[in-house]
Protein backbone atom coordinates (compact mmCIF):
# COMPACT_ATOMS: atom_id res chain seq x y z
CA MET A 1 82.92 -19.28 -10.38
CA ASN A 2 84.54 -15.28 -11.19
CA LYS A 3 81.51 -14.56 -12.94
CA LEU A 4 79.52 -15.09 -9.71
CA LEU A 5 81.48 -13.47 -7.37
CA LEU A 6 81.37 -10.25 -9.79
CA SER A 7 77.72 -10.74 -9.72
CA SER A 8 77.78 -10.61 -6.19
CA LEU A 9 80.13 -7.44 -5.57
CA PHE A 10 78.07 -5.76 -7.88
CA ILE A 11 74.77 -6.57 -6.19
CA PHE A 12 76.43 -5.59 -2.96
CA LEU A 13 77.51 -2.16 -4.55
CA ILE A 14 74.53 -1.57 -5.83
CA THR A 15 72.92 -2.10 -2.28
CA PHE A 16 75.08 0.18 -0.14
CA SER A 17 74.86 2.65 -2.79
CA ALA A 18 71.42 2.84 -2.45
CA ASN A 19 71.54 2.57 1.21
CA ALA A 20 74.37 5.50 1.25
CA GLN A 21 71.97 7.92 -0.91
CA ASP A 22 68.87 7.49 0.98
CA GLU A 23 70.99 8.58 4.45
CA ALA A 24 72.22 11.45 2.56
CA GLN A 25 68.99 12.75 1.42
CA ILE A 26 66.75 12.82 4.12
CA ASP A 27 63.30 14.13 3.40
CA CYS A 28 62.43 16.82 6.08
CA SER A 29 59.35 17.91 3.78
CA ASP A 30 56.94 17.23 6.79
CA VAL A 31 59.12 18.12 10.40
CA LYS A 32 58.52 21.58 10.48
CA THR A 33 54.81 21.23 11.20
CA GLY A 34 52.71 18.53 13.37
CA VAL A 35 53.37 16.60 16.33
CA PHE A 36 56.36 14.48 17.48
CA PHE A 37 57.37 12.52 20.39
CA ILE A 38 60.21 12.32 22.58
CA PRO A 39 60.88 9.51 24.72
CA SER A 40 62.73 9.27 28.02
CA ASP A 41 66.10 7.42 27.98
CA ASP A 42 69.20 6.92 29.90
CA VAL A 43 70.36 10.83 29.45
CA VAL A 44 66.99 12.43 29.67
CA SER A 45 64.52 11.38 32.75
CA PHE A 46 61.35 12.71 31.24
CA SER A 47 59.62 12.36 27.84
CA THR A 48 58.27 15.21 25.83
CA LYS A 49 55.59 15.87 23.34
CA ILE A 50 56.24 18.38 20.75
CA VAL A 51 53.53 20.69 19.20
CA ARG A 52 54.95 22.30 16.06
CA THR A 53 53.81 25.18 13.88
CA GLU A 54 56.49 26.00 10.82
CA ASN A 55 57.97 28.87 12.98
CA PHE A 56 56.72 28.09 16.41
CA GLN A 57 56.68 24.73 18.84
CA ARG A 58 55.55 24.20 22.45
CA GLU A 59 56.98 21.19 24.47
CA TYR A 60 54.90 19.31 27.02
CA LEU A 61 57.33 17.61 29.24
CA SER A 62 56.30 14.51 31.16
CA ASP A 63 56.99 16.22 34.70
CA GLY A 64 54.37 18.49 33.92
CA SER A 65 56.27 21.34 32.87
CA GLU A 66 55.74 23.32 29.53
CA ARG A 67 58.37 25.57 27.18
CA THR A 68 57.49 27.48 23.72
CA SER A 69 60.18 28.20 21.19
CA ARG A 70 60.46 30.05 18.53
CA LEU A 71 62.13 28.02 15.11
CA LYS A 72 64.91 29.66 12.66
CA TRP A 73 64.80 27.38 9.71
CA LEU A 74 68.41 27.02 8.24
CA SER A 75 67.19 24.40 5.79
CA ASP A 76 64.73 22.01 5.40
CA CYS A 77 66.19 19.69 7.75
CA SER A 78 68.16 22.37 10.14
CA TYR A 79 67.05 25.11 12.35
CA ILE A 80 67.79 27.16 15.44
CA MET A 81 65.51 26.84 18.69
CA LEU A 82 65.13 29.88 20.55
CA PRO A 83 63.37 30.69 24.09
CA ASP A 84 60.04 31.98 22.59
CA ALA A 85 60.32 35.27 25.41
CA LYS A 86 62.41 36.54 28.60
CA LYS A 87 60.36 36.02 30.97
CA GLU A 88 60.41 36.47 35.25
CA GLY A 89 61.33 32.60 36.78
CA GLU A 90 62.65 31.36 33.35
CA ASP A 91 64.06 27.49 33.35
CA PRO A 92 67.66 27.18 33.25
CA SER A 93 67.88 25.75 30.40
CA GLU A 94 65.87 28.53 28.82
CA SER A 95 68.44 31.17 30.07
CA LEU A 96 71.17 28.92 28.59
CA MET A 97 69.70 28.38 25.61
CA ARG A 98 69.60 31.98 25.10
CA GLN A 99 73.24 32.47 26.00
CA TYR A 100 74.61 30.49 23.32
CA GLY A 101 71.97 32.21 20.52
CA GLY A 102 69.53 29.31 20.84
CA ILE A 103 70.04 25.66 19.63
CA GLU A 104 70.79 24.41 16.65
CA VAL A 105 69.02 21.44 15.79
CA THR A 106 70.01 18.95 12.88
CA TYR A 107 68.13 15.85 11.22
CA VAL A 108 70.69 13.37 10.34
CA LYS A 109 68.85 10.56 9.76
CA ARG A 110 65.41 9.25 8.93
CA LYS A 111 64.03 5.79 9.09
CA GLY A 112 59.56 5.78 8.52
CA ASP A 113 58.73 8.46 11.24
CA THR A 114 61.85 8.23 13.44
CA ILE A 115 63.61 11.30 12.86
CA TYR A 116 67.62 11.47 13.95
CA PHE A 117 68.96 14.16 15.35
CA THR A 118 72.08 16.36 16.66
CA ALA A 119 71.65 18.93 19.18
CA ARG A 120 74.38 21.70 20.08
CA PRO A 121 74.43 25.37 21.32
CA HIS A 122 74.37 27.75 18.31
CA LYS A 123 77.16 29.65 18.93
CA GLN A 124 79.71 26.94 19.95
CA LYS A 125 81.77 25.46 17.08
CA GLY A 126 82.08 21.94 16.38
CA SER A 127 80.01 19.27 16.50
CA PHE A 128 78.17 16.42 18.99
CA ASP A 129 78.23 12.82 18.39
CA ASP A 130 75.26 11.92 20.18
CA LEU A 131 72.52 11.19 18.33
CA PHE A 132 68.47 11.88 19.65
CA TYR A 133 65.55 10.46 17.95
CA MET A 134 62.10 11.35 17.98
CA ILE A 135 58.85 10.06 16.31
CA LYS A 136 56.08 11.97 14.21
CA ILE A 137 53.03 10.96 15.68
CA GLU A 138 50.79 13.33 14.00
């Protein structure tokens, strides 16, 4: 009986350790370029298609608008997103993004093509508990 209990506990610990290690070591090698999709949800009422090169991304929102941003990579899994250029009639969110020095995005978990991330104003200290996700489609 004790051997069975010890064996079960050992298998559980190995499984738990492997899962924890997978989440701690996120593979971000293919997120610097590609096409991604962020679906609408209870917080954001529109979906977004993102076309990204290594240092630039264009967002196509389901409401018909577009945004462009420059990307400054801090690590393989973290970057600062900055509005591309100040322009007349700038979207209020772009103006706010500029005021805070950009939006810092950090990938925290990945399951296949679904990438979970946090996002916060770069110059604002602290962390946000909200977890967002996007799906790599190309």
